[in-house]
Protein backbone atom coordinates (compact mmCIF):
# COMPACT_ATOMS: atom_id res chain seq x y z
CA MET A 1 9.52 38.58 -48.51
CA LEU A 2 11.75 41.46 -49.46
CA SER A 3 9.61 42.33 -52.42
CA VAL A 4 6.54 42.63 -50.33
CA VAL A 5 8.29 44.93 -47.77
CA GLY A 6 9.73 46.88 -50.69
CA SER A 7 6.35 47.32 -52.27
CA LEU A 8 4.70 48.54 -49.15
CA TYR A 9 7.60 51.03 -48.69
CA ILE A 10 7.25 52.31 -52.28
CA TYR A 11 3.46 52.35 -52.20
CA PHE A 12 2.94 54.18 -48.85
CA ILE A 13 6.11 56.03 -48.10
CA GLU A 14 7.38 56.99 -51.70
CA SER A 15 3.58 57.38 -52.76
CA ASN A 16 4.21 55.69 -56.16
CA HIS A 17 1.25 53.48 -56.19
CA GLU A 18 1.83 51.96 -59.70
CA LEU A 19 5.47 50.99 -58.95
CA GLY A 20 4.45 49.63 -55.56
CA ILE A 21 1.85 47.34 -57.07
CA PHE A 22 4.23 46.16 -59.72
CA VAL A 23 7.04 45.30 -57.21
CA GLY A 24 4.50 43.36 -55.11
CA LEU A 25 3.11 41.33 -57.89
CA TRP A 26 6.17 40.15 -59.98
CA ALA A 27 7.78 37.90 -57.42
CA PRO A 28 4.65 35.70 -56.68
CA THR A 29 3.99 35.58 -60.49
CA ILE A 30 7.44 34.27 -61.24
CA ILE A 31 7.20 31.73 -58.19
CA LEU A 32 3.82 30.45 -59.46
CA GLY A 33 5.11 30.26 -63.06
CA ALA A 34 8.09 28.11 -61.79
CA ILE A 35 5.76 25.79 -59.87
CA GLU A 36 3.62 25.34 -62.96
CA ILE A 37 6.67 24.56 -65.19
CA GLU A 38 7.87 22.05 -62.60
CA LYS A 39 4.47 20.28 -62.66
CA MET A 40 4.61 20.02 -66.47
CA LEU A 41 8.15 18.66 -66.43
CA GLU A 42 7.22 15.96 -63.91
CA ASP A 43 4.42 14.54 -66.23
């Protein structure tokens, strides 16, 4: 949740669009990757 708030702050307040998008996307990517790895290890 903190990464989403941070990305919104960076995107709108700091006006650094590329960094704001990056910060907003890395956390969900890691979470989804961990879920997929967990599924593979269960099989």
